[in-house]
PDB file of N, CA and C in Angstrom:
ATOM      1  N   MET A   1      71.658 101.995  92.531  1.00  0.00           N
ATOM      2  CA  MET A   1      72.763 101.113  92.524  1.00  0.00           C
ATOM      3  C   MET A   1      73.110 100.824  93.986  1.00  0.00           C
ATOM      4  N   LYS A   2      73.311  99.530  94.283  1.00  0.00           N
ATOM      5  CA  LYS A   2      73.594  99.056  95.599  1.00  0.00           C
ATOM      6  C   LYS A   2      75.101  98.782  95.724  1.00  0.00           C
ATOM      7  N   VAL A   3      75.780  99.489  96.597  1.00  0.00           N
ATOM      8  CA  VAL A   3      77.245  99.389  96.686  1.00  0.00           C
ATOM      9  C   VAL A   3      77.678  99.055  98.119  1.00  0.00           C
ATOM     10  N   LEU A   4      78.720  98.225  98.246  1.00  0.00           N
ATOM     11  CA  LEU A   4      79.312  97.890  99.526  1.00  0.00           C
ATOM     12  C   LEU A   4      80.721  98.403  99.588  1.00  0.00           C
ATOM     13  N   PHE A   5      81.028  99.209 100.596  1.00  0.00           N
ATOM     14  CA  PHE A   5      82.380  99.614 100.910  1.00  0.00           C
ATOM     15  C   PHE A   5      82.870  98.769 102.095  1.00  0.00           C
ATOM     16  N   ILE A   6      83.929  97.990 101.918  1.00  0.00           N
ATOM     17  CA  ILE A   6      84.536  97.310 103.020  1.00  0.00           C
ATOM     18  C   ILE A   6      85.512  98.304 103.629  1.00  0.00           C
ATOM     19  N   GLY A   7      85.185  98.660 104.913  1.00  0.00           N
ATOM     20  CA  GLY A   7      85.841  99.837 105.502  1.00  0.00           C
ATOM     21  C   GLY A   7      84.880 100.955 105.462  1.00  0.00           C
ATOM     22  N   GLY A   8      85.297 102.070 104.916  1.00  0.00           N
ATOM     23  CA  GLY A   8      84.462 103.178 104.657  1.00  0.00           C
ATOM     24  C   GLY A   8      84.520 104.310 105.682  1.00  0.00           C
ATOM     25  N   THR A   9      85.333 104.142 106.720  1.00  0.00           N
ATOM     26  CA  THR A   9      85.409 105.227 107.724  1.00  0.00           C
ATOM     27  C   THR A   9      86.707 105.933 107.735  1.00  0.00           C
ATOM     28  N   GLY A  10      87.604 105.541 106.801  1.00  0.00           N
ATOM     29  CA  GLY A  10      88.914 106.268 106.793  1.00  0.00           C
ATOM     30  C   GLY A  10      88.703 107.662 106.117  1.00  0.00           C
ATOM     31  N   ASN A  11      89.793 108.401 106.000  1.00  0.00           N
ATOM     32  CA  ASN A  11      89.718 109.754 105.483  1.00  0.00           C
ATOM     33  C   ASN A  11      89.190 109.769 104.000  1.00  0.00           C
ATOM     34  N   ILE A  12      89.793 108.988 103.163  1.00  0.00           N
ATOM     35  CA  ILE A  12      89.440 108.982 101.780  1.00  0.00           C
ATOM     36  C   ILE A  12      88.093 108.249 101.574  1.00  0.00           C
ATOM     37  N   SER A  13      87.904 107.059 102.195  1.00  0.00           N
ATOM     38  CA  SER A  13      86.685 106.278 102.018  1.00  0.00           C
ATOM     39  C   SER A  13      85.486 107.040 102.584  1.00  0.00           C
ATOM     40  N   ALA A  14      85.672 107.692 103.717  1.00  0.00           N
ATOM     41  CA  ALA A  14      84.546 108.520 104.234  1.00  0.00           C
ATOM     42  C   ALA A  14      84.083 109.596 103.282  1.00  0.00           C
ATOM     43  N   ALA A  15      85.039 110.301 102.722  1.00  0.00           N
ATOM     44  CA  ALA A  15      84.750 111.340 101.754  1.00  0.00           C
ATOM     45  C   ALA A  15      84.026 110.744 100.526  1.00  0.00           C
ATOM     46  N   CYS A  16      84.473 109.577 100.062  1.00  0.00           N
ATOM     47  CA  CYS A  16      83.851 108.908  99.001  1.00  0.00           C
ATOM     48  C   CYS A  16      82.467 108.454  99.305  1.00  0.00           C
ATOM     49  N   SER A  17      82.337 108.026 100.561  1.00  0.00           N
ATOM     50  CA  SER A  17      80.980 107.600 101.049  1.00  0.00           C
ATOM     51  C   SER A  17      79.989 108.796 100.967  1.00  0.00           C
ATOM     52  N   ARG A  18      80.388 109.929 101.439  1.00  0.00           N
ATOM     53  CA  ARG A  18      79.548 111.092 101.420  1.00  0.00           C
ATOM     54  C   ARG A  18      79.167 111.470  99.997  1.00  0.00           C
ATOM     55  N   LEU A  19      80.123 111.395  99.112  1.00  0.00           N
ATOM     56  CA  LEU A  19      79.870 111.725  97.755  1.00  0.00           C
ATOM     57  C   LEU A  19      78.905 110.687  97.124  1.00  0.00           C
ATOM     58  N   ALA A  20      79.118 109.404  97.381  1.00  0.00           N
ATOM     59  CA  ALA A  20      78.262 108.395  96.833  1.00  0.00           C
ATOM     60  C   ALA A  20      76.805 108.577  97.274  1.00  0.00           C
ATOM     61  N   VAL A  21      76.625 108.786  98.559  1.00  0.00           N
ATOM     62  CA  VAL A  21      75.257 109.043  99.122  1.00  0.00           C
ATOM     63  C   VAL A  21      74.587 110.270  98.465  1.00  0.00           C
ATOM     64  N   SER A  22      75.407 111.344  98.259  1.00  0.00           N
ATOM     65  CA  SER A  22      74.855 112.574  97.722  1.00  0.00           C
ATOM     66  C   SER A  22      74.433 112.335  96.281  1.00  0.00           C
ATOM     67  N   ARG A  23      74.983 111.280  95.631  1.00  0.00           N
ATOM     68  CA  ARG A  23      74.588 110.982  94.272  1.00  0.00           C
ATOM     69  C   ARG A  23      73.573 109.951  94.153  1.00  0.00           C
ATOM     70  N   GLY A  24      72.940 109.564  95.293  1.00  0.00           N
ATOM     71  CA  GLY A  24      71.849 108.650  95.283  1.00  0.00           C
ATOM     72  C   GLY A  24      72.170 107.160  95.309  1.00  0.00           C
ATOM     73  N   ILE A  25      73.407 106.838  95.601  1.00  0.00           N
ATOM     74  CA  ILE A  25      73.827 105.462  95.736  1.00  0.00           C
ATOM     75  C   ILE A  25      73.342 104.822  96.987  1.00  0.00           C
ATOM     76  N   GLU A  26      72.808 103.619  96.932  1.00  0.00           N
ATOM     77  CA  GLU A  26      72.447 102.945  98.174  1.00  0.00           C
ATOM     78  C   GLU A  26      73.692 102.295  98.736  1.00  0.00           C
ATOM     79  N   LEU A  27      74.215 102.924  99.774  1.00  0.00           N
ATOM     80  CA  LEU A  27      75.606 102.585 100.186  1.00  0.00           C
ATOM     81  C   LEU A  27      75.563 101.851 101.550  1.00  0.00           C
ATOM     82  N   TYR A  28      76.335 100.779 101.601  1.00  0.00           N
ATOM     83  CA  TYR A  28      76.503  99.925 102.843  1.00  0.00           C
ATOM     84  C   TYR A  28      78.038  99.996 103.176  1.00  0.00           C
ATOM     85  N   HIS A  29      78.310 100.001 104.451  1.00  0.00           N
ATOM     86  CA  HIS A  29      79.643  99.808 104.964  1.00  0.00           C
ATOM     87  C   HIS A  29      79.672  98.415 105.671  1.00  0.00           C
ATOM     88  N   LEU A  30      80.771  97.765 105.448  1.00  0.00           N
ATOM     89  CA  LEU A  30      81.064  96.548 106.299  1.00  0.00           C
ATOM     90  C   LEU A  30      82.275  96.963 107.047  1.00  0.00           C
ATOM     91  N   ASN A  31      82.112  97.037 108.359  1.00  0.00           N
ATOM     92  CA  ASN A  31      83.326  97.287 109.258  1.00  0.00           C
ATOM     93  C   ASN A  31      83.048  96.777 110.641  1.00  0.00           C
ATOM     94  N   ARG A  32      84.048  96.873 111.505  1.00  0.00           N
ATOM     95  CA  ARG A  32      83.988  96.353 112.850  1.00  0.00           C
ATOM     96  C   ARG A  32      83.200  97.201 113.801  1.00  0.00           C
ATOM     97  N   GLY A  33      82.907  98.428 113.332  1.00  0.00           N
ATOM     98  CA  GLY A  33      82.151  99.334 114.207  1.00  0.00           C
ATOM     99  C   GLY A  33      83.005 100.123 115.231  1.00  0.00           C
ATOM    100  N   HIS A  34      84.331 100.063 115.056  1.00  0.00           N
ATOM    101  CA  HIS A  34      85.220 100.657 116.044  1.00  0.00           C
ATOM    102  C   HIS A  34      85.486 102.091 115.782  1.00  0.00           C
ATOM    103  N   THR A  35      85.386 102.655 114.568  1.00  0.00           N
ATOM    104  CA  THR A  35      85.676 104.032 114.270  1.00  0.00           C
ATOM    105  C   THR A  35      84.382 104.830 114.259  1.00  0.00           C
ATOM    106  N   GLU A  36      84.390 105.855 115.009  1.00  0.00           N
ATOM    107  CA  GLU A  36      83.182 106.714 115.173  1.00  0.00           C
ATOM    108  C   GLU A  36      83.096 107.703 113.977  1.00  0.00           C
ATOM    109  N   VAL A  37      82.504 107.327 112.885  1.00  0.00           N
ATOM    110  CA  VAL A  37      82.272 108.207 111.777  1.00  0.00           C
ATOM    111  C   VAL A  37      80.839 108.083 111.362  1.00  0.00           C
ATOM    112  N   GLU A  38      80.044 109.157 111.531  1.00  0.00           N
ATOM    113  CA  GLU A  38      78.657 109.075 111.093  1.00  0.00           C
ATOM    114  C   GLU A  38      78.499 109.674 109.734  1.00  0.00           C
ATOM    115  N   ILE A  39      77.980 108.925 108.835  1.00  0.00           N
ATOM    116  CA  ILE A  39      77.704 109.420 107.524  1.00  0.00           C
ATOM    117  C   ILE A  39      76.217 109.141 107.195  1.00  0.00           C
ATOM    118  N   SER A  40      75.431 110.144 107.215  1.00  0.00           N
ATOM    119  CA  SER A  40      74.000 110.086 106.964  1.00  0.00           C
ATOM    120  C   SER A  40      73.738 109.359 105.680  1.00  0.00           C
ATOM    121  N   GLY A  41      72.809 108.383 105.695  1.00  0.00           N
ATOM    122  CA  GLY A  41      72.420 107.678 104.525  1.00  0.00           C
ATOM    123  C   GLY A  41      73.136 106.378 104.277  1.00  0.00           C
ATOM    124  N   VAL A  42      74.215 106.098 105.074  1.00  0.00           N
ATOM    125  CA  VAL A  42      74.952 104.834 104.944  1.00  0.00           C
ATOM    126  C   VAL A  42      74.366 103.783 105.906  1.00  0.00           C
ATOM    127  N   GLN A  43      74.184 102.592 105.372  1.00  0.00           N
ATOM    128  CA  GLN A  43      73.789 101.500 106.298  1.00  0.00           C
ATOM    129  C   GLN A  43      75.024 100.685 106.643  1.00  0.00           C
ATOM    130  N   THR A  44      75.252 100.419 107.895  1.00  0.00           N
ATOM    131  CA  THR A  44      76.428  99.713 108.372  1.00  0.00           C
ATOM    132  C   THR A  44      76.118  98.352 108.756  1.00  0.00           C
ATOM    133  N   ILE A  45      76.859  97.377 108.203  1.00  0.00           N
ATOM    134  CA  ILE A  45      76.831  95.955 108.622  1.00  0.00           C
ATOM    135  C   ILE A  45      78.110  95.730 109.453  1.00  0.00           C
ATOM    136  N   ILE A  46      77.892  95.298 110.695  1.00  0.00           N
ATOM    137  CA  ILE A  46      79.005  95.053 111.570  1.00  0.00           C
ATOM    138  C   ILE A  46      79.595  93.659 111.351  1.00  0.00           C
ATOM    139  N   GLY A  47      80.861  93.590 111.045  1.00  0.00           N
ATOM    140  CA  GLY A  47      81.514  92.344 110.862  1.00  0.00           C
ATOM    141  C   GLY A  47      82.963  92.619 110.521  1.00  0.00           C
ATOM    142  N   ASP A  48      83.789  91.597 110.544  1.00  0.00           N
ATOM    143  CA  ASP A  48      85.179  91.678 110.265  1.00  0.00           C
ATOM    144  C   ASP A  48      85.468  90.886 109.022  1.00  0.00           C
ATOM    145  N   ILE A  49      85.903  91.519 107.954  1.00  0.00           N
ATOM    146  CA  ILE A  49      86.060  90.781 106.672  1.00  0.00           C
ATOM    147  C   ILE A  49      87.052  89.661 106.811  1.00  0.00           C
ATOM    148  N   TYR A  50      87.944  89.758 107.817  1.00  0.00           N
ATOM    149  CA  TYR A  50      88.939  88.753 108.022  1.00  0.00           C
ATOM    150  C   TYR A  50      88.528  87.583 108.964  1.00  0.00           C
ATOM    151  N   LYS A  51      87.252  87.690 109.440  1.00  0.00           N
ATOM    152  CA  LYS A  51      86.675  86.709 110.339  1.00  0.00           C
ATOM    153  C   LYS A  51      85.321  86.222 109.764  1.00  0.00           C
ATOM    154  N   PRO A  52      85.345  85.207 108.908  1.00  0.00           N
ATOM    155  CA  PRO A  52      84.159  84.767 108.180  1.00  0.00           C
ATOM    156  C   PRO A  52      82.952  84.517 109.104  1.00  0.00           C
ATOM    157  N   GLU A  53      83.192  84.054 110.312  1.00  0.00           N
ATOM    158  CA  GLU A  53      82.040  83.773 111.158  1.00  0.00           C
ATOM    159  C   GLU A  53      81.302  85.022 111.574  1.00  0.00           C
ATOM    160  N   THR A  54      81.813  86.232 111.318  1.00  0.00           N
ATOM    161  CA  THR A  54      81.089  87.474 111.628  1.00  0.00           C
ATOM    162  C   THR A  54      80.326  88.023 110.463  1.00  0.00           C
ATOM    163  N   LEU A  55      80.276  87.290 109.310  1.00  0.00           N
ATOM    164  CA  LEU A  55      79.676  87.807 108.151  1.00  0.00           C
ATOM    165  C   LEU A  55      78.331  87.306 107.756  1.00  0.00           C
ATOM    166  N   ARG A  56      77.641  86.753 108.714  1.00  0.00           N
ATOM    167  CA  ARG A  56      76.289  86.188 108.471  1.00  0.00           C
ATOM    168  C   ARG A  56      75.344  87.158 107.788  1.00  0.00           C
ATOM    169  N   GLU A  57      75.258  88.397 108.360  1.00  0.00           N
ATOM    170  CA  GLU A  57      74.381  89.408 107.750  1.00  0.00           C
ATOM    171  C   GLU A  57      74.829  89.770 106.330  1.00  0.00           C
ATOM    172  N   LEU A  58      76.101  89.913 106.182  1.00  0.00           N
ATOM    173  CA  LEU A  58      76.608  90.282 104.870  1.00  0.00           C
ATOM    174  C   LEU A  58      76.265  89.248 103.740  1.00  0.00           C
ATOM    175  N   ARG A  59      76.251  88.014 104.074  1.00  0.00           N
ATOM    176  CA  ARG A  59      75.962  86.983 103.105  1.00  0.00           C
ATOM    177  C   ARG A  59      74.553  86.996 102.618  1.00  0.00           C
ATOM    178  N   LYS A  60      73.657  87.735 103.259  1.00  0.00           N
ATOM    179  CA  LYS A  60      72.273  87.800 102.894  1.00  0.00           C
ATOM    180  C   LYS A  60      72.070  88.773 101.654  1.00  0.00           C
ATOM    181  N   HIS A  61      73.060  89.527 101.332  1.00  0.00           N
ATOM    182  CA  HIS A  61      72.908  90.606 100.264  1.00  0.00           C
ATOM    183  C   HIS A  61      73.618  90.204  98.966  1.00  0.00           C
ATOM    184  N   THR A  62      73.254  90.906  97.940  1.00  0.00           N
ATOM    185  CA  THR A  62      73.943  90.928  96.699  1.00  0.00           C
ATOM    186  C   THR A  62      74.240  92.389  96.422  1.00  0.00           C
ATOM    187  N   TRP A  63      75.231  92.675  95.561  1.00  0.00           N
ATOM    188  CA  TRP A  63      75.704  94.040  95.344  1.00  0.00           C
ATOM    189  C   TRP A  63      75.933  94.288  93.848  1.00  0.00           C
ATOM    190  N   ASP A  64      75.716  95.527  93.497  1.00  0.00           N
ATOM    191  CA  ASP A  64      76.134  95.912  92.119  1.00  0.00           C
ATOM    192  C   ASP A  64      77.662  96.060  92.099  1.00  0.00           C
ATOM    193  N   VAL A  65      78.193  96.661  93.186  1.00  0.00           N
ATOM    194  CA  VAL A  65      79.644  96.871  93.270  1.00  0.00           C
ATOM    195  C   VAL A  65      80.124  96.668  94.659  1.00  0.00           C
ATOM    196  N   VAL A  66      81.243  96.076  94.821  1.00  0.00           N
ATOM    197  CA  VAL A  66      81.944  95.893  96.127  1.00  0.00           C
ATOM    198  C   VAL A  66      83.272  96.543  95.991  1.00  0.00           C
ATOM    199  N   VAL A  67      83.561  97.484  96.953  1.00  0.00           N
ATOM    200  CA  VAL A  67      84.855  98.196  97.014  1.00  0.00           C
ATOM    201  C   VAL A  67      85.576  97.861  98.277  1.00  0.00           C
ATOM    202  N   ASN A  68      86.801  97.314  98.199  1.00  0.00           N
ATOM    203  CA  ASN A  68      87.561  97.044  99.369  1.00  0.00           C
ATOM    204  C   ASN A  68      88.656  98.076  99.528  1.00  0.00           C
ATOM    205  N   TRP A  69      88.539  98.843 100.634  1.00  0.00           N
ATOM    206  CA  TRP A  69      89.468  99.900 100.909  1.00  0.00           C
ATOM    207  C   TRP A  69      90.571  99.482 101.843  1.00  0.00           C
ATOM    208  N   ILE A  70      90.508  98.225 102.440  1.00  0.00           N
ATOM    209  CA  ILE A  70      91.378  97.836 103.468  1.00  0.00           C
ATOM    210  C   ILE A  70      92.198  96.557 103.174  1.00  0.00           C
ATOM    211  N   ALA A  71      92.160  96.011 101.970  1.00  0.00           N
ATOM    212  CA  ALA A  71      92.932  94.896 101.661  1.00  0.00           C
ATOM    213  C   ALA A  71      94.425  95.198 101.584  1.00  0.00           C
ATOM    214  N   TYR A  72      95.244  94.479 102.306  1.00  0.00           N
ATOM    215  CA  TYR A  72      96.662  94.772 102.354  1.00  0.00           C
ATOM    216  C   TYR A  72      97.466  93.708 101.732  1.00  0.00           C
ATOM    217  N   HIS A  73      96.962  92.526 101.599  1.00  0.00           N
ATOM    218  CA  HIS A  73      97.768  91.365 101.088  1.00  0.00           C
ATOM    219  C   HIS A  73      96.909  90.693  99.941  1.00  0.00           C
ATOM    220  N   ARG A  74      97.664  90.048  99.073  1.00  0.00           N
ATOM    221  CA  ARG A  74      97.041  89.234  98.015  1.00  0.00           C
ATOM    222  C   ARG A  74      96.016  88.299  98.546  1.00  0.00           C
ATOM    223  N   GLU A  75      96.199  87.677  99.655  1.00  0.00           N
ATOM    224  CA  GLU A  75      95.265  86.771 100.235  1.00  0.00           C
ATOM    225  C   GLU A  75      93.947  87.357 100.557  1.00  0.00           C
ATOM    226  N   HIS A  76      94.022  88.713 100.979  1.00  0.00           N
ATOM    227  CA  HIS A  76      92.762  89.368 101.279  1.00  0.00           C
ATOM    228  C   HIS A  76      91.836  89.485 100.082  1.00  0.00           C
ATOM    229  N   VAL A  77      92.493  89.888  98.903  1.00  0.00           N
ATOM    230  CA  VAL A  77      91.736  89.996  97.675  1.00  0.00           C
ATOM    231  C   VAL A  77      91.244  88.649  97.204  1.00  0.00           C
ATOM    232  N   GLU A  78      92.034  87.626  97.312  1.00  0.00           N
ATOM    233  CA  GLU A  78      91.635  86.278  96.921  1.00  0.00           C
ATOM    234  C   GLU A  78      90.397  85.800  97.744  1.00  0.00           C
ATOM    235  N   SER A  79      90.467  86.048  99.040  1.00  0.00           N
ATOM    236  CA  SER A  79      89.366  85.715  99.879  1.00  0.00           C
ATOM    237  C   SER A  79      88.068  86.466  99.517  1.00  0.00           C
ATOM    238  N   ASP A  80      88.211  87.806  99.201  1.00  0.00           N
ATOM    239  CA  ASP A  80      87.052  88.563  98.751  1.00  0.00           C
ATOM    240  C   ASP A  80      86.481  88.035  97.450  1.00  0.00           C
ATOM    241  N   LEU A  81      87.358  87.642  96.518  1.00  0.00           N
ATOM    242  CA  LEU A  81      86.831  87.064  95.221  1.00  0.00           C
ATOM    243  C   LEU A  81      86.043  85.854  95.483  1.00  0.00           C
ATOM    244  N   ASP A  82      86.427  85.000  96.434  1.00  0.00           N
ATOM    245  CA  ASP A  82      85.655  83.800  96.772  1.00  0.00           C
ATOM    246  C   ASP A  82      84.394  84.227  97.468  1.00  0.00           C
ATOM    247  N   LEU A  83      84.467  85.115  98.376  1.00  0.00           N
ATOM    248  CA  LEU A  83      83.278  85.499  99.140  1.00  0.00           C
ATOM    249  C   LEU A  83      82.222  86.126  98.323  1.00  0.00           C
ATOM    250  N   PHE A  84      82.586  86.978  97.340  1.00  0.00           N
ATOM    251  CA  PHE A  84      81.654  87.776  96.547  1.00  0.00           C
ATOM    252  C   PHE A  84      81.338  87.156  95.139  1.00  0.00           C
ATOM    253  N   MET A  85      81.894  85.956  94.905  1.00  0.00           N
ATOM    254  CA  MET A  85      81.582  85.281  93.635  1.00  0.00           C
ATOM    255  C   MET A  85      80.056  85.124  93.515  1.00  0.00           C
ATOM    256  N   ASN A  86      79.494  85.533  92.415  1.00  0.00           N
ATOM    257  CA  ASN A  86      78.087  85.447  92.192  1.00  0.00           C
ATOM    258  C   ASN A  86      77.254  86.390  93.157  1.00  0.00           C
ATOM    259  N   LYS A  87      77.947  87.254  93.828  1.00  0.00           N
ATOM    260  CA  LYS A  87      77.204  88.180  94.773  1.00  0.00           C
ATOM    261  C   LYS A  87      77.373  89.664  94.343  1.00  0.00           C
ATOM    262  N   THR A  88      78.235  89.910  93.358  1.00  0.00           N
ATOM    263  CA  THR A  88      78.453  91.259  92.907  1.00  0.00           C
ATOM    264  C   THR A  88      78.758  91.239  91.407  1.00  0.00           C
ATOM    265  N   ARG A  89      78.440  92.425  90.733  1.00  0.00           N
ATOM    266  CA  ARG A  89      78.727  92.481  89.333  1.00  0.00           C
ATOM    267  C   ARG A  89      80.152  93.050  89.080  1.00  0.00           C
ATOM    268  N   GLN A  90      80.649  93.827  90.140  1.00  0.00           N
ATOM    269  CA  GLN A  90      81.971  94.422  89.979  1.00  0.00           C
ATOM    270  C   GLN A  90      82.638  94.427  91.361  1.00  0.00           C
ATOM    271  N   TYR A  91      83.953  94.122  91.338  1.00  0.00           N
ATOM    272  CA  TYR A  91      84.731  94.166  92.604  1.00  0.00           C
ATOM    273  C   TYR A  91      85.888  95.145  92.294  1.00  0.00           C
ATOM    274  N   ILE A  92      86.061  96.112  93.196  1.00  0.00           N
ATOM    275  CA  ILE A  92      87.113  97.091  93.061  1.00  0.00           C
ATOM    276  C   ILE A  92      88.041  97.025  94.303  1.00  0.00           C
ATOM    277  N   PHE A  93      89.307  96.834  94.026  1.00  0.00           N
ATOM    278  CA  PHE A  93      90.366  96.815  95.048  1.00  0.00           C
ATOM    279  C   PHE A  93      91.077  98.175  94.988  1.00  0.00           C
ATOM    280  N   ILE A  94      91.007  98.886  96.075  1.00  0.00           N
ATOM    281  CA  ILE A  94      91.674 100.158  96.123  1.00  0.00           C
ATOM    282  C   ILE A  94      93.021  99.946  96.673  1.00  0.00           C
ATOM    283  N   SER A  95      94.013 100.372  95.948  1.00  0.00           N
ATOM    284  CA  SER A  95      95.427 100.186  96.286  1.00  0.00           C
ATOM    285  C   SER A  95      96.013 101.471  96.863  1.00  0.00           C
ATOM    286  N   SER A  96      97.242 101.786  96.524  1.00  0.00           N
ATOM    287  CA  SER A  96      97.876 102.950  97.111  1.00  0.00           C
ATOM    288  C   SER A  96      98.878 103.507  96.095  1.00  0.00           C
ATOM    289  N   ALA A  97      99.031 104.765  96.091  1.00  0.00           N
ATOM    290  CA  ALA A  97     100.031 105.455  95.190  1.00  0.00           C
ATOM    291  C   ALA A  97     101.398 105.039  95.568  1.00  0.00           C
ATOM    292  N   SER A  98     101.573 104.522  96.819  1.00  0.00           N
ATOM    293  CA  SER A  98     102.932 104.118  97.251  1.00  0.00           C
ATOM    294  C   SER A  98     103.471 102.878  96.443  1.00  0.00           C
ATOM    295  N   CYS A  99     102.554 102.277  95.658  1.00  0.00           N
ATOM    296  CA  CYS A  99     103.000 101.086  94.825  1.00  0.00           C
ATOM    297  C   CYS A  99     103.778 101.472  93.639  1.00  0.00           C
ATOM    298  N   TYR A 100     103.669 102.706  93.219  1.00  0.00           N
ATOM    299  CA  TYR A 100     104.355 103.130  91.963  1.00  0.00           C
ATOM    300  C   TYR A 100     105.786 103.469  92.163  1.00  0.00           C
ATOM    301  N   GLN A 101     106.485 103.446  91.012  1.00  0.00           N
ATOM    302  CA  GLN A 101     107.896 103.659  91.010  1.00  0.00           C
ATOM    303  C   GLN A 101     108.368 104.678  91.930  1.00  0.00           C
ATOM    304  N   THR A 102     109.465 104.374  92.709  1.00  0.00           N
ATOM    305  CA  THR A 102     110.035 105.271  93.629  1.00  0.00           C
ATOM    306  C   THR A 102     111.571 105.302  93.332  1.00  0.00           C
ATOM    307  N   PRO A 103     112.160 106.416  93.057  1.00  0.00           N
ATOM    308  CA  PRO A 103     111.531 107.746  92.898  1.00  0.00           C
ATOM    309  C   PRO A 103     110.878 107.712  91.467  1.00  0.00           C
ATOM    310  N   LEU A 104     109.893 108.649  91.303  1.00  0.00           N
ATOM    311  CA  LEU A 104     109.216 108.762  90.136  1.00  0.00           C
ATOM    312  C   LEU A 104     110.071 109.302  88.975  1.00  0.00           C
ATOM    313  N   SER A 105     109.934 108.755  87.778  1.00  0.00           N
ATOM    314  CA  SER A 105     110.664 109.281  86.666  1.00  0.00           C
ATOM    315  C   SER A 105     109.913 110.350  85.967  1.00  0.00           C
ATOM    316  N   TYR A 106     108.634 110.554  86.346  1.00  0.00           N
ATOM    317  CA  TYR A 106     107.756 111.590  85.780  1.00  0.00           C
ATOM    318  C   TYR A 106     106.936 112.120  86.928  1.00  0.00           C
ATOM    319  N   PRO A 107     106.641 113.401  87.000  1.00  0.00           N
ATOM    320  CA  PRO A 107     105.966 113.940  88.205  1.00  0.00           C
ATOM    321  C   PRO A 107     104.515 113.580  88.371  1.00  0.00           C
ATOM    322  N   VAL A 108     103.869 113.005  87.344  1.00  0.00           N
ATOM    323  CA  VAL A 108     102.434 112.671  87.472  1.00  0.00           C
ATOM    324  C   VAL A 108     102.338 111.125  87.409  1.00  0.00           C
ATOM    325  N   ILE A 109     101.541 110.570  88.397  1.00  0.00           N
ATOM    326  CA  ILE A 109     101.301 109.129  88.431  1.00  0.00           C
ATOM    327  C   ILE A 109     100.039 108.911  87.614  1.00  0.00           C
ATOM    328  N   THR A 110     100.179 107.922  86.708  1.00  0.00           N
ATOM    329  CA  THR A 110      99.066 107.421  85.873  1.00  0.00           C
ATOM    330  C   THR A 110      98.988 105.923  85.992  1.00  0.00           C
ATOM    331  N   GLU A 111      98.019 105.315  85.385  1.00  0.00           N
ATOM    332  CA  GLU A 111      97.932 103.856  85.408  1.00  0.00           C
ATOM    333  C   GLU A 111      99.048 103.171  84.668  1.00  0.00           C
ATOM    334  N   SER A 112      99.780 103.897  83.862  1.00  0.00           N
ATOM    335  CA  SER A 112     100.959 103.332  83.130  1.00  0.00           C
ATOM    336  C   SER A 112     102.252 103.471  83.869  1.00  0.00           C
ATOM    337  N   THR A 113     102.241 104.190  85.000  1.00  0.00           N
ATOM    338  CA  THR A 113     103.433 104.396  85.824  1.00  0.00           C
ATOM    339  C   THR A 113     103.863 102.994  86.315  1.00  0.00           C
ATOM    340  N   PRO A 114     105.124 102.621  86.256  1.00  0.00           N
ATOM    341  CA  PRO A 114     105.571 101.290  86.666  1.00  0.00           C
ATOM    342  C   PRO A 114     105.165 100.984  88.130  1.00  0.00           C
ATOM    343  N   LEU A 115     104.704  99.810  88.373  1.00  0.00           N
ATOM    344  CA  LEU A 115     104.499  99.297  89.761  1.00  0.00           C
ATOM    345  C   LEU A 115     105.881  98.776  90.253  1.00  0.00           C
ATOM    346  N   LYS A 116     106.569  99.588  90.983  1.00  0.00           N
ATOM    347  CA  LYS A 116     107.888  99.252  91.378  1.00  0.00           C
ATOM    348  C   LYS A 116     108.352 100.067  92.503  1.00  0.00           C
ATOM    349  N   ASN A 117     107.993  99.574  93.731  1.00  0.00           N
ATOM    350  CA  ASN A 117     108.476 100.234  94.962  1.00  0.00           C
ATOM    351  C   ASN A 117     108.998  99.221  95.898  1.00  0.00           C
ATOM    352  N   ASN A 118     110.281  99.041  95.976  1.00  0.00           N
ATOM    353  CA  ASN A 118     110.797  97.983  96.865  1.00  0.00           C
ATOM    354  C   ASN A 118     111.262  98.490  98.184  1.00  0.00           C
ATOM    355  N   LEU A 119     110.839  99.812  98.495  1.00  0.00           N
ATOM    356  CA  LEU A 119     111.274 100.467  99.692  1.00  0.00           C
ATOM    357  C   LEU A 119     110.372 100.136 100.949  1.00  0.00           C
ATOM    358  N   TRP A 120     109.228  99.655 100.693  1.00  0.00           N
ATOM    359  CA  TRP A 120     108.232  99.435 101.837  1.00  0.00           C
ATOM    360  C   TRP A 120     107.459  98.243 101.606  1.00  0.00           C
ATOM    361  N   ASP A 121     107.391  97.319 102.624  1.00  0.00           N
ATOM    362  CA  ASP A 121     106.699  96.101 102.550  1.00  0.00           C
ATOM    363  C   ASP A 121     105.217  96.340 102.228  1.00  0.00           C
ATOM    364  N   TYR A 122     104.584  97.368 102.782  1.00  0.00           N
ATOM    365  CA  TYR A 122     103.248  97.706 102.491  1.00  0.00           C
ATOM    366  C   TYR A 122     103.038  97.840 100.988  1.00  0.00           C
ATOM    367  N   SER A 123     103.926  98.573 100.341  1.00  0.00           N
ATOM    368  CA  SER A 123     103.832  98.760  98.851  1.00  0.00           C
ATOM    369  C   SER A 123     104.088  97.459  98.102  1.00  0.00           C
ATOM    370  N   LYS A 124     105.014  96.687  98.563  1.00  0.00           N
ATOM    371  CA  LYS A 124     105.307  95.390  97.823  1.00  0.00           C
ATOM    372  C   LYS A 124     104.033  94.490  97.945  1.00  0.00           C
ATOM    373  N   ASN A 125     103.395  94.490  99.119  1.00  0.00           N
ATOM    374  CA  ASN A 125     102.205  93.623  99.296  1.00  0.00           C
ATOM    375  C   ASN A 125     101.077  94.123  98.434  1.00  0.00           C
ATOM    376  N   LYS A 126     100.901  95.400  98.269  1.00  0.00           N
ATOM    377  CA  LYS A 126      99.840  95.960  97.443  1.00  0.00           C
ATOM    378  C   LYS A 126     100.076  95.634  95.929  1.00  0.00           C
ATOM    379  N   ILE A 127     101.300  95.633  95.566  1.00  0.00           N
ATOM    380  CA  ILE A 127     101.675  95.318  94.106  1.00  0.00           C
ATOM    381  C   ILE A 127     101.351  93.854  93.835  1.00  0.00           C
ATOM    382  N   GLN A 128     101.577  92.958  94.771  1.00  0.00           N
ATOM    383  CA  GLN A 128     101.230  91.537  94.564  1.00  0.00           C
ATOM    384  C   GLN A 128      99.779  91.362  94.283  1.00  0.00           C
TER     385      GLN A 128
END
């Protein structure tokens, strides 16, 4: 399986990258190359997802799955959907637990927990 992680060098995405590679996934990262994280078995494509002129190498590929770890606004996801149309079988947008109801009415967050956090712009943007 050929998978692209947009980002991939943060705490959670790096751990997921190591796990994916350990399970035999052909993993690529698309990032700007600014964060020094070496993960054996990952192929890195240097580019900025928000600067289409830097994505020439990326456009040469197709993917089974694309995972965006760094989309913060609705427009970022919309742009990805355009970019990866007919280039991937599945697109995954990683959000944040901060999107869910605050304060929580139940101590466990599930997919049915209401998306309702008006305390932080970051959360409101992720909800959109």
